[in-house]
Amino acid sequence: MADLNERDAKLVQYLSEAYGKEQELVLALEADIALTSRDPYKKRLKAHLKETKAHAKLLARRIKQLGGGTPVAQNVVGKAKAVAKGPLHVVRGGGAQEKMLKNAKSQYWNEHEEIATYLAIEALATKVSDTETAKLARSIRREEERMAKYLEGQIKSLTAAVVSEDIPAGQRRASSGRKAAKPKAAKASKAKAGKGGKAKAGKAKAAKAKRSTAKRAARPKAKAKAKGAAKKSAAKAKR
């Protein structure tokens, strides 16, 4: 490997880390595929396995172009990590649906780690004017984002399958029954408020009727008073 300047050494470092992760995920995906019974899910994992192998080749080629040589040491590290994790995928507890769900969650986590890795490579390459490396990182990142989006939907679907597989239907309905009590309470509260409103309206109506009666009683007195005042005024005028 040729002596690298600081710029290229840092690019090779980041690319080699990404290469090691891709190699690790090749073996992890192969283990997951063997445990996946859902055909559409298995098909998508196989497609992503091909993408992952292609990513590793593209990264190795770019590392060589920058003078970094073949990343053999990183390849070994990545495979060692994957071999260590492989048995965990097999022995995970629960039924078939739950095992797939746990694997999907691990895949989702790995995809986001890769997204962050390629985002950093793209930002680094852009800052040091390496347009080719930036373009490569952006292209791979978009494929990882598409896979992460697929896994997000798969996690929801597999969780629903775990519920159907492990939780009796009667227990699933229990929570909805508790929620149904809320509308009854709201209805009772509304009825109570209605009664209070009617009582207030009755009081207001009675008060209005009282005022009306008082006005009617006061009218004859007012008329008599006015008539007397008029007589006095007329008598005064004659004098």
C-alpha atoms as a PDB file:
ATOM      1  CA  MET A   1       0.000   0.000   0.000  1.00  0.00           C
ATOM      2  CA  ALA A   2       1.358   3.399  -1.015  1.00  0.00           C
ATOM      3  CA  ASP A   3       1.945   6.145   1.540  1.00  0.00           C
ATOM      4  CA  LEU A   4      -1.255   8.171   1.764  1.00  0.00           C
ATOM      5  CA  ASN A   5      -1.665  11.819   2.590  1.00  0.00           C
ATOM      6  CA  GLU A   6      -3.993  12.815   5.424  1.00  0.00           C
ATOM      7  CA  ARG A   7      -6.966  13.352   3.101  1.00  0.00           C
ATOM      8  CA  ASP A   8      -6.807   9.953   1.398  1.00  0.00           C
ATOM      9  CA  ALA A   9      -5.904   8.125   4.607  1.00  0.00           C
ATOM     10  CA  LYS A  10      -9.067   9.418   6.276  1.00  0.00           C
ATOM     11  CA  LEU A  11     -11.207   8.468   3.259  1.00  0.00           C
ATOM     12  CA  VAL A  12      -9.700   4.970   3.220  1.00  0.00           C
ATOM     13  CA  GLN A  13     -10.325   4.648   6.974  1.00  0.00           C
ATOM     14  CA  TYR A  14     -14.038   5.472   6.617  1.00  0.00           C
ATOM     15  CA  LEU A  15     -14.473   3.323   3.516  1.00  0.00           C
ATOM     16  CA  SER A  16     -12.743   0.382   5.200  1.00  0.00           C
ATOM     17  CA  GLU A  17     -15.074   0.622   8.184  1.00  0.00           C
ATOM     18  CA  ALA A  18     -18.056   0.522   5.832  1.00  0.00           C
ATOM     19  CA  TYR A  19     -16.515  -2.419   3.965  1.00  0.00           C
ATOM     20  CA  GLY A  20     -16.120  -4.358   7.225  1.00  0.00           C
ATOM     21  CA  LYS A  21     -19.757  -3.742   8.114  1.00  0.00           C
ATOM     22  CA  GLU A  22     -20.943  -4.935   4.708  1.00  0.00           C
ATOM     23  CA  GLN A  23     -18.913  -8.141   5.076  1.00  0.00           C
ATOM     24  CA  GLU A  24     -20.379  -8.678   8.537  1.00  0.00           C
ATOM     25  CA  LEU A  25     -23.914  -8.268   7.208  1.00  0.00           C
ATOM     26  CA  VAL A  26     -23.396 -10.712   4.340  1.00  0.00           C
ATOM     27  CA  LEU A  27     -23.139 -13.598   6.822  1.00  0.00           C
ATOM     28  CA  ALA A  28     -25.854 -12.187   9.100  1.00  0.00           C
ATOM     29  CA  LEU A  29     -28.293 -11.941   6.172  1.00  0.00           C
ATOM     30  CA  GLU A  30     -27.488 -15.490   5.064  1.00  0.00           C
ATOM     31  CA  ALA A  31     -28.365 -16.719   8.583  1.00  0.00           C
ATOM     32  CA  ASP A  32     -31.582 -14.667   8.631  1.00  0.00           C
ATOM     33  CA  ILE A  33     -32.687 -15.934   5.220  1.00  0.00           C
ATOM     34  CA  ALA A  34     -32.372 -19.530   6.428  1.00  0.00           C
ATOM     35  CA  LEU A  35     -34.763 -18.758   9.315  1.00  0.00           C
ATOM     36  CA  THR A  36     -37.321 -16.779   7.315  1.00  0.00           C
ATOM     37  CA  SER A  37     -40.522 -18.597   6.354  1.00  0.00           C
ATOM     38  CA  ARG A  38     -42.396 -15.661   4.819  1.00  0.00           C
ATOM     39  CA  ASP A  39     -41.781 -15.829   1.074  1.00  0.00           C
ATOM     40  CA  PRO A  40     -42.037 -12.075   0.261  1.00  0.00           C
ATOM     41  CA  TYR A  41     -39.785 -11.241   3.220  1.00  0.00           C
ATOM     42  CA  LYS A  42     -37.278 -13.939   2.254  1.00  0.00           C
ATOM     43  CA  LYS A  43     -37.255 -12.664  -1.336  1.00  0.00           C
ATOM     44  CA  ARG A  44     -36.498  -9.114  -0.169  1.00  0.00           C
ATOM     45  CA  LEU A  45     -33.698 -10.340   2.115  1.00  0.00           C
ATOM     46  CA  LYS A  46     -32.129 -12.253  -0.781  1.00  0.00           C
ATOM     47  CA  ALA A  47     -32.283  -9.151  -2.953  1.00  0.00           C
ATOM     48  CA  HIS A  48     -30.637  -7.105  -0.215  1.00  0.00           C
ATOM     49  CA  LEU A  49     -27.961  -9.763   0.218  1.00  0.00           C
ATOM     50  CA  LYS A  50     -27.025  -9.214  -3.428  1.00  0.00           C
ATOM     51  CA  GLU A  51     -26.979  -5.455  -2.830  1.00  0.00           C
ATOM     52  CA  THR A  52     -24.770  -5.930   0.235  1.00  0.00           C
ATOM     53  CA  LYS A  53     -22.239  -8.028  -1.684  1.00  0.00           C
ATOM     54  CA  ALA A  54     -22.235  -5.430  -4.469  1.00  0.00           C
ATOM     55  CA  HIS A  55     -21.653  -2.642  -1.921  1.00  0.00           C
ATOM     56  CA  ALA A  56     -18.608  -4.472  -0.557  1.00  0.00           C
ATOM     57  CA  LYS A  57     -17.121  -4.833  -4.064  1.00  0.00           C
ATOM     58  CA  LEU A  58     -17.694  -1.154  -4.868  1.00  0.00           C
ATOM     59  CA  LEU A  59     -16.076  -0.099  -1.605  1.00  0.00           C
ATOM     60  CA  ALA A  60     -13.059  -2.385  -2.128  1.00  0.00           C
ATOM     61  CA  ARG A  61     -12.550  -0.950  -5.616  1.00  0.00           C
ATOM     62  CA  ARG A  62     -12.724   2.648  -4.365  1.00  0.00           C
ATOM     63  CA  ILE A  63     -10.285   1.901  -1.533  1.00  0.00           C
ATOM     64  CA  LYS A  64      -7.794   0.530  -4.092  1.00  0.00           C
ATOM     65  CA  GLN A  65      -8.272   3.579  -6.301  1.00  0.00           C
ATOM     66  CA  LEU A  66      -7.345   5.815  -3.376  1.00  0.00           C
ATOM     67  CA  GLY A  67      -4.209   3.757  -2.767  1.00  0.00           C
ATOM     68  CA  GLY A  68      -5.464   1.787   0.207  1.00  0.00           C
ATOM     69  CA  GLY A  69      -4.977  -1.688  -1.243  1.00  0.00           C
ATOM     70  CA  THR A  70      -7.319  -4.657  -0.704  1.00  0.00           C
ATOM     71  CA  PRO A  71      -8.994  -4.386   2.733  1.00  0.00           C
ATOM     72  CA  VAL A  72      -8.174  -7.996   3.739  1.00  0.00           C
ATOM     73  CA  ALA A  73      -7.724  -7.307   7.453  1.00  0.00           C
ATOM     74  CA  GLN A  74     -11.063  -5.518   7.669  1.00  0.00           C
ATOM     75  CA  ASN A  75     -12.698  -8.404   5.794  1.00  0.00           C
ATOM     76  CA  VAL A  76     -11.475 -10.859   8.428  1.00  0.00           C
ATOM     77  CA  VAL A  77     -12.720  -8.664  11.278  1.00  0.00           C
ATOM     78  CA  GLY A  78     -16.143  -8.317   9.670  1.00  0.00           C
ATOM     79  CA  LYS A  79     -16.496 -12.061   9.124  1.00  0.00           C
ATOM     80  CA  ALA A  80     -15.389 -12.812  12.673  1.00  0.00           C
ATOM     81  CA  LYS A  81     -18.110 -10.519  14.050  1.00  0.00           C
ATOM     82  CA  ALA A  82     -20.743 -12.114  11.823  1.00  0.00           C
ATOM     83  CA  VAL A  83     -19.730 -15.649  12.819  1.00  0.00           C
ATOM     84  CA  ALA A  84     -20.009 -14.660  16.493  1.00  0.00           C
ATOM     85  CA  LYS A  85     -23.494 -13.219  15.939  1.00  0.00           C
ATOM     86  CA  GLY A  86     -24.738 -16.049  13.731  1.00  0.00           C
ATOM     87  CA  PRO A  87     -25.715 -18.469  16.535  1.00  0.00           C
ATOM     88  CA  LEU A  88     -27.750 -15.734  18.227  1.00  0.00           C
ATOM     89  CA  HIS A  89     -30.061 -15.615  15.214  1.00  0.00           C
ATOM     90  CA  VAL A  90     -30.672 -19.364  15.512  1.00  0.00           C
ATOM     91  CA  VAL A  91     -31.280 -19.676  19.259  1.00  0.00           C
ATOM     92  CA  ARG A  92     -33.559 -16.667  19.760  1.00  0.00           C
ATOM     93  CA  GLY A  93     -36.596 -17.696  21.823  1.00  0.00           C
ATOM     94  CA  GLY A  94     -40.263 -17.535  20.932  1.00  0.00           C
ATOM     95  CA  GLY A  95     -42.231 -18.899  18.018  1.00  0.00           C
ATOM     96  CA  ALA A  96     -41.370 -18.600  14.347  1.00  0.00           C
ATOM     97  CA  GLN A  97     -43.010 -15.180  14.013  1.00  0.00           C
ATOM     98  CA  GLU A  98     -41.184 -13.794  17.040  1.00  0.00           C
ATOM     99  CA  LYS A  99     -37.810 -15.069  15.805  1.00  0.00           C
ATOM    100  CA  MET A 100     -38.380 -13.313  12.491  1.00  0.00           C
ATOM    101  CA  LEU A 101     -39.474 -10.176  14.342  1.00  0.00           C
ATOM    102  CA  LYS A 102     -36.285 -10.150  16.429  1.00  0.00           C
ATOM    103  CA  ASN A 103     -34.178 -10.618  13.307  1.00  0.00           C
ATOM    104  CA  ALA A 104     -36.083  -7.816  11.544  1.00  0.00           C
ATOM    105  CA  LYS A 105     -35.381  -5.474  14.470  1.00  0.00           C
ATOM    106  CA  SER A 106     -31.663  -6.322  14.290  1.00  0.00           C
ATOM    107  CA  GLN A 107     -31.673  -5.742  10.525  1.00  0.00           C
ATOM    108  CA  TYR A 108     -33.450  -2.418  11.013  1.00  0.00           C
ATOM    109  CA  TRP A 109     -30.821  -1.339  13.546  1.00  0.00           C
ATOM    110  CA  ASN A 110     -28.000  -2.398  11.199  1.00  0.00           C
ATOM    111  CA  GLU A 111     -29.515  -0.497   8.275  1.00  0.00           C
ATOM    112  CA  HIS A 112     -29.592   2.704  10.294  1.00  0.00           C
ATOM    113  CA  GLU A 113     -25.994   2.201  11.384  1.00  0.00           C
ATOM    114  CA  GLU A 114     -25.056   1.862   7.725  1.00  0.00           C
ATOM    115  CA  ILE A 115     -27.102   4.919   6.775  1.00  0.00           C
ATOM    116  CA  ALA A 116     -25.166   6.944   9.373  1.00  0.00           C
ATOM    117  CA  THR A 117     -21.862   5.496   8.106  1.00  0.00           C
ATOM    118  CA  TYR A 118     -22.511   6.422   4.478  1.00  0.00           C
ATOM    119  CA  LEU A 119     -23.860   9.829   5.449  1.00  0.00           C
ATOM    120  CA  ALA A 120     -20.553  10.520   7.223  1.00  0.00           C
ATOM    121  CA  ILE A 121     -18.531   9.255   4.223  1.00  0.00           C
ATOM    122  CA  GLU A 122     -20.553  11.445   1.860  1.00  0.00           C
ATOM    123  CA  ALA A 123     -20.080  14.510   4.080  1.00  0.00           C
ATOM    124  CA  LEU A 124     -16.335  13.835   4.443  1.00  0.00           C
ATOM    125  CA  ALA A 125     -15.831  13.276   0.713  1.00  0.00           C
ATOM    126  CA  THR A 126     -17.792  16.444  -0.116  1.00  0.00           C
ATOM    127  CA  LYS A 127     -15.674  18.498   2.299  1.00  0.00           C
ATOM    128  CA  VAL A 128     -12.410  17.292   0.725  1.00  0.00           C
ATOM    129  CA  SER A 129     -13.723  17.577  -2.873  1.00  0.00           C
ATOM    130  CA  ASP A 130     -13.786  13.831  -3.602  1.00  0.00           C
ATOM    131  CA  THR A 131     -16.904  13.785  -5.786  1.00  0.00           C
ATOM    132  CA  GLU A 132     -16.534  10.117  -6.782  1.00  0.00           C
ATOM    133  CA  THR A 133     -16.490   8.847  -3.201  1.00  0.00           C
ATOM    134  CA  ALA A 134     -19.372  11.182  -2.279  1.00  0.00           C
ATOM    135  CA  LYS A 135     -21.430   9.873  -5.205  1.00  0.00           C
ATOM    136  CA  LEU A 136     -20.717   6.242  -4.235  1.00  0.00           C
ATOM    137  CA  ALA A 137     -21.672   6.817  -0.588  1.00  0.00           C
ATOM    138  CA  ARG A 138     -24.881   8.595  -1.580  1.00  0.00           C
ATOM    139  CA  SER A 139     -25.898   5.787  -3.939  1.00  0.00           C
ATOM    140  CA  ILE A 140     -25.337   3.065  -1.339  1.00  0.00           C
ATOM    141  CA  ARG A 141     -27.039   5.103   1.394  1.00  0.00           C
ATOM    142  CA  ARG A 142     -30.213   5.386  -0.690  1.00  0.00           C
ATOM    143  CA  GLU A 143     -30.382   1.601  -1.067  1.00  0.00           C
ATOM    144  CA  GLU A 144     -29.942   1.193   2.690  1.00  0.00           C
ATOM    145  CA  GLU A 145     -32.730   3.726   3.304  1.00  0.00           C
ATOM    146  CA  ARG A 146     -35.078   1.785   1.017  1.00  0.00           C
ATOM    147  CA  MET A 147     -34.307  -1.419   2.915  1.00  0.00           C
ATOM    148  CA  ALA A 148     -34.860   0.317   6.263  1.00  0.00           C
ATOM    149  CA  LYS A 149     -38.244   1.565   5.063  1.00  0.00           C
ATOM    150  CA  TYR A 150     -39.213  -1.962   4.007  1.00  0.00           C
ATOM    151  CA  LEU A 151     -38.134  -3.349   7.386  1.00  0.00           C
ATOM    152  CA  GLU A 152     -40.217  -0.724   9.199  1.00  0.00           C
ATOM    153  CA  GLY A 153     -43.354  -2.118   7.586  1.00  0.00           C
ATOM    154  CA  GLN A 154     -42.186  -5.689   8.153  1.00  0.00           C
ATOM    155  CA  ILE A 155     -41.690  -5.074  11.878  1.00  0.00           C
ATOM    156  CA  LYS A 156     -45.294  -3.852  12.192  1.00  0.00           C
ATOM    157  CA  SER A 157     -46.591  -6.852  10.248  1.00  0.00           C
ATOM    158  CA  LEU A 158     -44.536  -9.366  12.232  1.00  0.00           C
ATOM    159  CA  THR A 159     -45.605  -7.806  15.537  1.00  0.00           C
ATOM    160  CA  ALA A 160     -49.249  -8.302  14.522  1.00  0.00           C
ATOM    161  CA  ALA A 161     -48.414 -11.930  13.673  1.00  0.00           C
ATOM    162  CA  VAL A 162     -46.819 -12.433  17.111  1.00  0.00           C
ATOM    163  CA  VAL A 163     -49.975 -11.089  18.748  1.00  0.00           C
ATOM    164  CA  SER A 164     -52.113 -13.542  16.767  1.00  0.00           C
ATOM    165  CA  GLU A 165     -49.752 -16.415  17.531  1.00  0.00           C
ATOM    166  CA  ASP A 166     -49.116 -15.809  21.248  1.00  0.00           C
ATOM    167  CA  ILE A 167     -52.061 -13.875  22.693  1.00  0.00           C
ATOM    168  CA  PRO A 168     -55.597 -15.387  22.903  1.00  0.00           C
ATOM    169  CA  ALA A 169     -58.312 -13.451  21.091  1.00  0.00           C
ATOM    170  CA  GLY A 170     -60.261 -12.873  24.315  1.00  0.00           C
ATOM    171  CA  GLN A 171     -57.319 -11.084  25.902  1.00  0.00           C
ATOM    172  CA  ARG A 172     -56.882  -8.935  22.808  1.00  0.00           C
ATOM    173  CA  ARG A 173     -60.508  -7.765  23.119  1.00  0.00           C
ATOM    174  CA  ALA A 174     -60.208  -6.941  26.834  1.00  0.00           C
ATOM    175  CA  SER A 175     -58.405  -3.652  26.242  1.00  0.00           C
ATOM    176  CA  SER A 176     -61.046  -2.500  23.751  1.00  0.00           C
ATOM    177  CA  GLY A 177     -63.754  -3.281  26.363  1.00  0.00           C
ATOM    178  CA  ARG A 178     -62.131  -0.953  28.869  1.00  0.00           C
ATOM    179  CA  LYS A 179     -62.059   1.775  26.280  1.00  0.00           C
ATOM    180  CA  ALA A 180     -65.794   1.283  25.632  1.00  0.00           C
ATOM    181  CA  ALA A 181     -66.529   2.356  29.225  1.00  0.00           C
ATOM    182  CA  LYS A 182     -65.356   5.879  28.469  1.00  0.00           C
ATOM    183  CA  PRO A 183     -68.245   6.812  26.140  1.00  0.00           C
ATOM    184  CA  LYS A 184     -70.744   5.627  28.821  1.00  0.00           C
ATOM    185  CA  ALA A 185     -69.127   7.845  31.410  1.00  0.00           C
ATOM    186  CA  ALA A 186     -69.136  10.719  28.949  1.00  0.00           C
ATOM    187  CA  LYS A 187     -72.827  10.083  28.224  1.00  0.00           C
ATOM    188  CA  ALA A 188     -73.675  10.114  31.945  1.00  0.00           C
ATOM    189  CA  SER A 189     -71.734  13.328  32.392  1.00  0.00           C
ATOM    190  CA  LYS A 190     -73.559  14.867  29.451  1.00  0.00           C
ATOM    191  CA  ALA A 191     -76.948  13.805  30.899  1.00  0.00           C
ATOM    192  CA  LYS A 192     -76.005  15.329  34.247  1.00  0.00           C
ATOM    193  CA  ALA A 193     -74.987  18.538  32.545  1.00  0.00           C
ATOM    194  CA  GLY A 194     -78.295  18.476  30.631  1.00  0.00           C
ATOM    195  CA  LYS A 195     -80.298  18.244  33.853  1.00  0.00           C
ATOM    196  CA  GLY A 196     -78.370  21.121  35.357  1.00  0.00           C
ATOM    197  CA  GLY A 197     -78.949  23.165  32.235  1.00  0.00           C
ATOM    198  CA  LYS A 198     -82.682  22.473  32.335  1.00  0.00           C
ATOM    199  CA  ALA A 199     -82.864  23.532  36.013  1.00  0.00           C
ATOM    200  CA  LYS A 200     -81.086  26.786  35.223  1.00  0.00           C
ATOM    201  CA  ALA A 201     -83.408  27.424  32.286  1.00  0.00           C
ATOM    202  CA  GLY A 202     -86.451  26.821  34.550  1.00  0.00           C
ATOM    203  CA  LYS A 203     -85.194  29.316  37.131  1.00  0.00           C
ATOM    204  CA  ALA A 204     -84.551  31.925  34.465  1.00  0.00           C
ATOM    205  CA  LYS A 205     -88.062  31.429  33.049  1.00  0.00           C
ATOM    206  CA  ALA A 206     -89.649  31.836  36.517  1.00  0.00           C
ATOM    207  CA  ALA A 207     -87.684  35.028  37.168  1.00  0.00           C
ATOM    208  CA  LYS A 208     -88.769  36.416  33.811  1.00  0.00           C
ATOM    209  CA  ALA A 209     -92.443  35.628  34.582  1.00  0.00           C
ATOM    210  CA  LYS A 210     -92.124  37.359  37.971  1.00  0.00           C
ATOM    211  CA  ARG A 211     -90.703  40.488  36.374  1.00  0.00           C
ATOM    212  CA  SER A 212     -93.507  40.478  33.797  1.00  0.00           C
ATOM    213  CA  THR A 213     -96.186  40.191  36.543  1.00  0.00           C
ATOM    214  CA  ALA A 214     -94.617  43.056  38.495  1.00  0.00           C
ATOM    215  CA  LYS A 215     -94.645  45.249  35.376  1.00  0.00           C
ATOM    216  CA  ARG A 216     -98.335  44.528  34.713  1.00  0.00           C
ATOM    217  CA  ALA A 217     -99.219  45.345  38.367  1.00  0.00           C
ATOM    218  CA  ALA A 218     -97.342  48.633  38.180  1.00  0.00           C
ATOM    219  CA  ARG A 219     -99.122  49.870  35.037  1.00  0.00           C
ATOM    220  CA  PRO A 220    -102.524  50.933  36.677  1.00  0.00           C
ATOM    221  CA  LYS A 221    -100.681  52.841  39.423  1.00  0.00           C
ATOM    222  CA  ALA A 222     -98.576  54.642  36.846  1.00  0.00           C
ATOM    223  CA  LYS A 223    -101.681  55.542  34.811  1.00  0.00           C
ATOM    224  CA  ALA A 224    -103.530  56.828  37.893  1.00  0.00           C
ATOM    225  CA  LYS A 225    -100.545  58.898  38.926  1.00  0.00           C
ATOM    226  CA  ALA A 226    -100.277  60.409  35.470  1.00  0.00           C
ATOM    227  CA  LYS A 227    -104.029  61.169  35.368  1.00  0.00           C
ATOM    228  CA  GLY A 228    -103.882  62.967  38.760  1.00  0.00           C
ATOM    229  CA  ALA A 229    -100.931  65.019  37.658  1.00  0.00           C
ATOM    230  CA  ALA A 230    -102.837  66.064  34.524  1.00  0.00           C
ATOM    231  CA  LYS A 231    -105.900  67.222  36.562  1.00  0.00           C
ATOM    232  CA  LYS A 232    -103.738  69.304  38.875  1.00  0.00           C
ATOM    233  CA  SER A 233    -102.050  70.893  35.902  1.00  0.00           C
ATOM    234  CA  ALA A 234    -105.436  71.762  34.276  1.00  0.00           C
ATOM    235  CA  ALA A 235    -106.817  73.278  37.520  1.00  0.00           C
ATOM    236  CA  LYS A 236    -103.717  75.388  37.905  1.00  0.00           C
ATOM    237  CA  ALA A 237    -104.090  76.678  34.386  1.00  0.00           C
ATOM    238  CA  LYS A 238    -107.736  77.863  35.007  1.00  0.00           C
ATOM    239  CA  ARG A 239    -106.605  80.045  37.880  1.00  0.00           C
END
